[in-house]
Protein backbone atom coordinates (compact mmCIF):
# COMPACT_ATOMS: atom_id res chain seq x y z
CA MET A 1 145.84 -151.58 139.88
CA PRO A 2 142.53 -153.18 140.96
CA THR A 3 140.32 -154.49 138.20
CA CYS A 4 137.42 -152.24 139.32
CA CYS A 5 139.39 -149.11 138.47
CA TRP A 6 140.12 -150.39 134.97
CA ALA A 7 136.44 -151.22 134.56
CA ARG A 8 135.43 -147.59 134.99
CA ARG A 9 137.52 -146.32 132.09
CA PRO A 10 135.20 -147.35 129.22
CA LYS A 11 132.27 -145.77 131.06
CA LEU A 12 134.19 -142.52 131.65
CA ALA A 13 135.30 -142.48 128.06
CA GLY A 14 131.68 -142.78 127.00
CA VAL A 15 130.66 -139.88 129.23
CA ASN A 16 133.47 -137.71 127.90
CA LYS A 17 132.49 -138.55 124.35
CA LEU A 18 128.87 -137.65 125.11
CA LEU A 19 129.88 -134.32 126.66
CA GLY A 20 132.13 -133.56 123.74
CA THR A 21 129.35 -134.30 121.29
CA ALA A 22 126.93 -132.11 123.26
CA GLY A 23 129.48 -129.30 123.32
CA LEU A 24 129.95 -129.48 119.57
CA ALA A 25 126.18 -129.48 119.07
CA LEU A 26 125.78 -126.39 121.26
CA ALA A 27 128.58 -124.63 119.45
CA ALA A 28 127.06 -125.53 116.08
CA GLY A 29 123.65 -124.29 117.25
CA ALA A 30 125.14 -121.03 118.49
CA THR A 31 126.92 -120.53 115.17
CA ARG A 32 123.74 -121.18 113.21
CA ARG A 33 121.82 -118.72 115.40
CA TYR A 34 124.47 -116.05 114.87
CA TRP A 35 124.48 -116.45 111.09
CA ALA A 36 120.68 -116.51 110.98
CA MET A 37 120.59 -113.10 112.68
CA ARG A 38 123.55 -111.45 110.97
CA GLU A 39 121.30 -109.33 108.72
CA ASP A 40 119.36 -108.14 111.76
CA LEU A 41 122.62 -107.32 113.51
CA ALA A 42 123.63 -105.17 110.57
CA ALA A 43 120.68 -102.85 111.33
CA VAL A 44 121.97 -102.25 114.87
CA ALA A 45 124.03 -99.12 115.42
CA PRO A 46 127.71 -100.20 115.52
CA GLU A 47 128.30 -98.87 119.04
CA LEU A 48 125.32 -100.89 120.34
CA ARG A 49 126.33 -104.24 118.87
CA SER A 50 127.12 -106.98 121.34
CA PRO A 51 128.22 -110.59 120.68
CA VAL A 52 125.62 -111.84 123.17
CA LEU A 53 122.61 -110.34 121.36
CA PRO A 54 121.71 -113.42 119.30
CA TYR A 55 121.76 -115.57 122.42
CA VAL A 56 119.71 -113.39 124.79
CA SER A 57 116.94 -112.86 122.25
CA VAL A 58 114.86 -115.86 123.30
CA ASP A 59 111.17 -116.10 124.03
CA TYR A 60 110.09 -116.00 127.67
CA THR A 61 107.71 -118.92 128.28
CA PRO A 62 106.38 -120.86 131.27
CA ARG A 63 109.23 -123.33 130.73
CA THR A 64 112.05 -120.79 130.50
CA LEU A 65 110.76 -118.42 133.19
CA PRO A 66 112.18 -120.33 136.23
CA PHE A 67 115.65 -120.29 134.65
CA ILE A 68 115.53 -116.63 133.63
CA ARG A 69 114.20 -115.14 136.85
CA PRO A 70 117.35 -115.66 138.97
CA LEU A 71 119.35 -113.63 136.44
CA TYR A 72 117.10 -110.66 137.14
CA ARG A 73 117.76 -110.81 140.89
CA ILE A 74 121.43 -109.89 140.50
CA LYS A 75 122.50 -106.69 142.25
CA THR A 76 124.27 -104.04 140.20
CA PRO A 77 126.66 -101.53 141.84
CA VAL A 78 125.01 -98.39 143.11
CA GLY A 79 128.17 -96.30 143.00
CA ARG A 80 129.60 -93.73 145.36
CA GLY A 81 127.90 -90.83 147.06
CA VAL A 82 124.64 -92.61 147.88
CA ARG A 83 123.38 -95.10 150.42
CA VAL A 84 120.75 -97.79 150.03
CA THR A 85 118.34 -98.89 152.74
CA THR A 86 115.66 -101.57 152.62
CA LYS A 87 112.15 -100.81 153.78
CA HIS A 88 109.14 -103.09 154.00
CA ILE A 89 105.96 -101.31 152.96
CA SER A 90 103.17 -103.64 153.94
CA THR A 91 104.55 -106.86 152.40
CA VAL A 92 106.56 -105.17 149.63
CA ARG A 93 110.34 -105.01 149.98
CA THR A 94 111.43 -101.59 148.79
CA LEU A 95 114.88 -100.12 148.14
CA VAL A 96 115.45 -96.47 149.05
CA THR A 97 118.50 -94.80 147.50
CA THR A 98 119.48 -91.53 149.17
CA PRO A 99 122.32 -89.17 148.20
CA ASP A 100 124.85 -88.59 150.97
CA VAL A 101 124.51 -84.83 150.55
CA PHE A 102 121.33 -83.05 149.46
CA LEU A 103 119.13 -80.16 150.46
CA ARG A 104 116.04 -81.16 152.42
CA PRO A 105 113.34 -81.29 151.38
CA GLY A 106 114.49 -82.52 147.99
CA PRO A 107 112.78 -84.24 145.08
CA GLY A 108 111.59 -87.85 145.17
CA ILE A 109 111.50 -90.39 142.35
CA LEU A 110 109.37 -93.52 142.29
CA SER A 111 111.38 -95.85 140.03
CA LEU A 112 109.70 -99.02 138.75
CA HIS A 113 111.84 -101.87 137.48
CA ALA A 114 111.70 -103.53 134.07
CA GLY A 115 110.95 -107.16 133.24
CA GLY A 116 107.63 -107.50 131.43
CA THR A 117 105.87 -107.76 134.83
CA ILE A 118 107.13 -111.38 134.90
CA VAL A 119 110.80 -110.92 135.90
CA GLY A 120 112.98 -108.21 137.38
CA SER A 121 113.98 -106.66 140.69
CA PRO A 122 114.90 -103.23 142.05
CA GLN A 123 118.45 -104.33 142.89
CA LEU A 124 119.15 -105.14 139.24
CA GLU A 125 118.66 -101.42 138.54
CA SER A 126 120.72 -100.11 141.46
CA THR A 127 123.16 -98.48 139.05
CA THR A 128 120.31 -96.44 137.55
CA HIS A 129 119.00 -95.48 140.99
CA GLY A 130 122.44 -94.36 142.10
CA ARG A 131 122.92 -92.21 139.01
CA LEU A 132 119.53 -90.52 139.42
CA ALA A 133 120.09 -89.92 143.13
CA ARG A 134 123.53 -88.37 142.54
CA ASP A 135 122.66 -86.31 139.47
CA LEU A 136 119.37 -84.94 140.77
CA ARG A 137 120.07 -84.98 144.52
CA ALA A 138 116.86 -86.96 144.78
CA VAL A 139 115.63 -89.84 146.92
CA VAL A 140 114.81 -92.82 144.71
CA VAL A 141 112.24 -95.36 145.91
CA SER A 142 111.92 -98.68 144.07
CA PRO A 143 109.43 -101.37 145.16
CA ASP A 144 109.93 -105.08 144.53
CA TYR A 145 106.35 -105.32 143.29
CA ARG A 146 104.52 -108.62 142.87
CA MET A 147 104.85 -110.22 139.46
CA SER A 148 102.77 -112.17 136.99
CA PRO A 149 101.60 -114.80 136.30
CA GLU A 150 101.38 -115.62 140.01
CA HIS A 151 99.99 -112.16 140.74
CA PRO A 152 98.19 -110.70 137.70
CA PHE A 153 96.79 -107.17 137.44
CA PRO A 154 96.20 -105.19 139.59
CA ALA A 155 98.76 -106.60 142.07
CA SER A 156 101.87 -104.92 140.66
CA LEU A 157 100.15 -101.57 140.14
CA ASP A 158 98.68 -101.70 143.65
CA ASP A 159 102.18 -102.25 145.07
CA CYS A 160 103.53 -99.29 143.10
CA MET A 161 100.72 -97.05 144.31
CA THR A 162 101.31 -98.22 147.87
CA ALA A 163 104.93 -97.13 147.53
CA LEU A 164 103.84 -93.73 146.20
CA TYR A 165 101.43 -93.16 149.08
CA TRP A 166 104.16 -94.26 151.51
CA MET A 167 106.59 -91.72 150.00
CA ARG A 168 104.09 -88.94 150.58
CA ALA A 169 103.18 -90.06 154.08
CA ASN A 170 106.83 -90.37 155.11
CA ALA A 171 108.16 -87.35 153.25
CA ASP A 172 109.73 -85.78 156.35
CA GLU A 173 111.60 -88.95 157.26
CA LEU A 174 112.78 -89.43 153.68
CA GLY A 175 113.73 -85.78 153.30
CA ILE A 176 111.58 -85.19 150.24
CA ASP A 177 109.03 -82.63 149.18
CA PRO A 178 105.72 -84.54 148.67
CA ASP A 179 104.81 -82.04 145.95
CA ARG A 180 108.00 -82.79 143.98
CA ILE A 181 107.69 -86.45 143.09
CA ALA A 182 108.17 -87.99 139.64
CA VAL A 183 107.58 -91.54 138.48
CA THR A 184 109.92 -93.34 136.11
CA GLY A 185 110.40 -96.82 134.75
CA ALA A 186 111.74 -98.85 131.84
CA SER A 187 109.90 -101.40 129.72
CA ALA A 188 107.18 -102.92 131.94
CA GLY A 189 108.28 -100.43 134.60
CA GLY A 190 107.59 -97.69 132.07
CA GLY A 191 104.12 -99.09 131.48
CA LEU A 192 103.51 -99.20 135.21
CA ALA A 193 104.84 -95.64 135.51
CA ALA A 194 102.29 -94.52 132.91
CA ALA A 195 99.56 -96.36 134.82
CA VAL A 196 100.69 -94.76 138.10
CA ALA A 197 100.50 -91.33 136.45
CA GLN A 198 96.97 -92.04 135.25
CA ARG A 199 95.73 -93.44 138.53
CA SER A 200 97.42 -90.67 140.53
CA LEU A 201 95.61 -88.07 138.46
CA ASP A 202 92.27 -89.76 139.13
CA GLU A 203 93.06 -90.08 142.85
CA GLY A 204 94.05 -86.43 143.21
CA ILE A 205 97.84 -86.79 143.46
CA ALA A 206 99.78 -84.26 141.41
CA LEU A 207 103.02 -85.74 140.10
CA ARG A 208 105.67 -83.44 138.68
CA ALA A 209 106.67 -85.67 135.78
CA GLN A 210 106.68 -89.15 134.27
CA GLY A 211 109.75 -90.68 132.62
CA LEU A 212 108.79 -93.56 130.32
CA VAL A 213 111.82 -95.49 129.04
CA TYR A 214 110.86 -97.75 126.09
CA PRO A 215 107.59 -98.41 127.95
CA MET A 216 105.32 -101.42 127.55
CA LEU A 217 102.00 -99.66 126.97
CA ASP A 218 99.68 -101.51 124.60
CA ASP A 219 98.57 -105.15 124.67
CA ARG A 220 97.21 -104.81 121.13
CA THR A 221 100.75 -104.97 119.74
CA VAL A 222 100.51 -108.76 120.08
CA LEU A 223 97.79 -108.79 117.42
CA ARG A 224 100.24 -107.62 114.76
CA ASP A 225 102.18 -110.01 112.55
CA ASP A 226 104.38 -107.49 110.74
CA PHE A 227 106.87 -105.62 112.92
CA ASP A 228 109.04 -104.22 110.12
CA GLY A 229 112.18 -105.82 111.54
CA ARG A 230 111.55 -104.64 115.10
CA GLY A 231 111.55 -106.88 118.15
CA ARG A 232 114.36 -109.11 116.95
CA PHE A 233 116.59 -108.49 119.95
CA VAL A 234 116.10 -108.94 123.71
CA TRP A 235 112.30 -108.49 123.87
CA THR A 236 110.52 -110.51 121.20
CA PRO A 237 106.88 -110.74 120.07
CA GLY A 238 106.66 -114.16 121.73
CA SER A 239 107.86 -112.79 125.06
CA ASN A 240 105.46 -109.87 124.73
CA ARG A 241 102.48 -112.14 124.19
CA PHE A 242 103.39 -114.31 127.19
CA ALA A 243 103.96 -111.26 129.40
CA TRP A 244 100.67 -109.56 128.54
CA THR A 245 98.75 -112.83 128.91
CA SER A 246 100.34 -113.35 132.33
CA TYR A 247 99.63 -109.78 133.43
CA LEU A 248 96.03 -109.54 132.23
CA GLY A 249 95.08 -113.11 133.05
CA HIS A 250 93.61 -113.64 129.59
CA ALA A 251 94.57 -113.38 125.92
CA PRO A 252 95.75 -109.82 125.23
CA GLY A 253 94.19 -107.51 122.69
CA THR A 254 90.72 -109.01 123.06
CA ALA A 255 88.47 -108.12 125.98
CA GLU A 256 88.25 -104.52 127.14
CA PRO A 257 90.80 -104.24 129.96
CA PRO A 258 90.00 -102.66 133.33
CA PRO A 259 91.17 -99.08 133.95
CA TYR A 260 94.97 -98.65 134.23
CA ALA A 261 95.74 -102.22 133.07
CA VAL A 262 96.75 -101.05 129.58
CA PRO A 263 97.85 -97.39 129.65
CA ALA A 264 97.54 -96.92 125.89
CA ARG A 265 93.84 -97.85 126.03
CA ARG A 266 92.90 -94.87 128.23
CA PRO A 267 90.64 -92.69 126.06
CA ASP A 268 91.46 -89.32 127.62
CA LEU A 269 95.08 -88.44 128.41
CA SER A 270 94.47 -84.80 129.29
CA GLY A 271 95.66 -83.54 132.65
CA LEU A 272 98.52 -86.01 132.97
CA PRO A 273 101.93 -84.77 134.18
CA PRO A 274 104.67 -83.77 131.72
CA ALA A 275 106.15 -86.83 130.06
CA TRP A 276 109.42 -87.99 128.59
CA VAL A 277 109.12 -90.98 126.24
CA GLY A 278 112.26 -92.61 124.87
CA VAL A 279 112.55 -95.63 122.59
CA GLY A 280 114.87 -97.14 120.00
CA GLU A 281 113.78 -97.51 116.41
CA LEU A 282 114.46 -101.28 116.48
CA ASP A 283 112.40 -101.75 119.64
CA LEU A 284 109.23 -103.85 119.51
CA PHE A 285 107.49 -101.04 121.41
CA TYR A 286 108.50 -98.30 118.98
CA ASP A 287 105.12 -97.79 117.31
CA GLU A 288 103.04 -97.92 120.49
CA ASP A 289 105.43 -95.54 122.29
CA VAL A 290 105.48 -92.97 119.50
CA GLU A 291 101.69 -93.12 119.22
CA TYR A 292 101.28 -92.62 122.99
CA ALA A 293 103.61 -89.62 122.93
CA GLU A 294 101.65 -88.09 120.06
CA ARG A 295 98.37 -88.67 121.88
CA LEU A 296 99.77 -86.96 124.98
CA ARG A 297 100.70 -83.94 122.91
CA THR A 298 97.30 -83.87 121.23
CA ALA A 299 95.71 -83.94 124.70
CA GLY A 300 97.70 -80.87 125.69
CA VAL A 301 100.27 -82.69 127.83
CA GLU A 302 103.87 -81.55 127.58
CA CYS A 303 105.76 -84.49 126.11
CA GLU A 304 109.35 -84.92 124.97
CA LEU A 305 109.78 -87.82 122.56
CA VAL A 306 113.28 -89.22 121.99
CA THR A 307 113.81 -91.92 119.35
CA VAL A 308 117.19 -93.48 118.64
CA PRO A 309 118.08 -95.01 115.25
CA GLY A 310 119.64 -98.46 115.42
CA MET A 311 118.75 -99.00 119.09
CA TYR A 312 117.02 -102.18 120.26
CA HIS A 313 115.10 -102.83 123.47
CA ALA A 314 117.12 -102.41 126.68
CA ALA A 315 120.28 -101.53 124.75
CA ASP A 316 121.45 -99.50 127.75
CA GLY A 317 121.89 -102.77 129.62
CA PHE A 318 124.20 -104.23 126.97
CA ALA A 319 126.13 -101.14 125.89
CA PRO A 320 125.93 -98.75 128.87
CA LYS A 321 129.04 -96.80 127.85
CA ALA A 322 127.99 -96.20 124.25
CA PRO A 323 127.79 -92.45 123.53
CA MET A 324 124.26 -92.71 122.14
CA VAL A 325 123.11 -94.53 125.28
CA GLU A 326 124.69 -91.89 127.49
CA ARG A 327 122.92 -89.16 125.49
CA PHE A 328 119.65 -91.08 125.81
CA GLN A 329 120.01 -91.33 129.59
CA ARG A 330 121.16 -87.72 129.91
CA SER A 331 118.06 -86.56 128.04
CA LEU A 332 115.83 -88.19 130.67
CA THR A 333 117.92 -86.80 133.53
CA ASP A 334 117.76 -83.29 132.08
CA PHE A 335 114.00 -83.59 131.67
CA LEU A 336 113.57 -84.70 135.30
CA ARG A 337 115.88 -81.94 136.48
CA ARG A 338 113.77 -79.28 134.75
CA HIS A 339 110.61 -80.50 136.43
CA LEU A 340 111.95 -81.56 139.82
CA VAL A 341 114.75 -79.11 140.49
CA GLY A 342 114.15 -76.17 138.18
């Protein structure tokens, strides 16, 4: 065998040794992370526990954002009995999920995706859109709104409102009743849904309902340093601070935000559409969500509050078949059905 081939072997051996060492280091780090969080895992409801939880609970930062974003562009299956079309509203790509069979005009749902306003996509939530379209015989519209920090407030909210106005203007084509539209969203999408409800009220648009799934409502949460064990999984205080800073364009919890930027800061909540607010008791947003629901009720707004013991943020994405998750989702669907279908 030529001498040059023999000469490569020590180098390859060194590379293999380096890779092996790196692998052992990663495994050791993963083990340490798991054991460091085992007490926190014990607080999670057994049916919601997942082996990946310790490893997805990392802070979103300017350095990690480029690596995380592609994961949020994955398309989930929409399921049978519906069809998905892509529309371009101005410059915003928008997915429209329509049931194969429904009575026209039917209800419409503006569904706003999660992701802290810094990541996310409508196609990642196609499974949710398909379920809502089938169960409610509704047309679901989900815009791929602009995200922070490249496009801070009000870009994302403007895109969501543009989609709402488009739904109303094209109601005949979509097969929806413009007077039977609800807005829904999870996490940052829930915060945007609350902002859409507020702005719609002020602009004279009567929405039938708002479904706020563990919504991101209050930038002042970042000022706290004691979360009573909440925010340990998936969405952390560090991620929350980065997301609000990116969205507002300045340090959160300080300057008075402009209208609609922080839904929980609106002084008067009267006149808003009926609301469903759902959140897990281990969620970082638990306190702000419960407080918002109570303020809605005090303002005379019909509000159904659902809290789930042992549930962390976005648990439905990690344990979608868990009975408590299915009950959580069914509660929202039943609420929307009452207000959209009757």
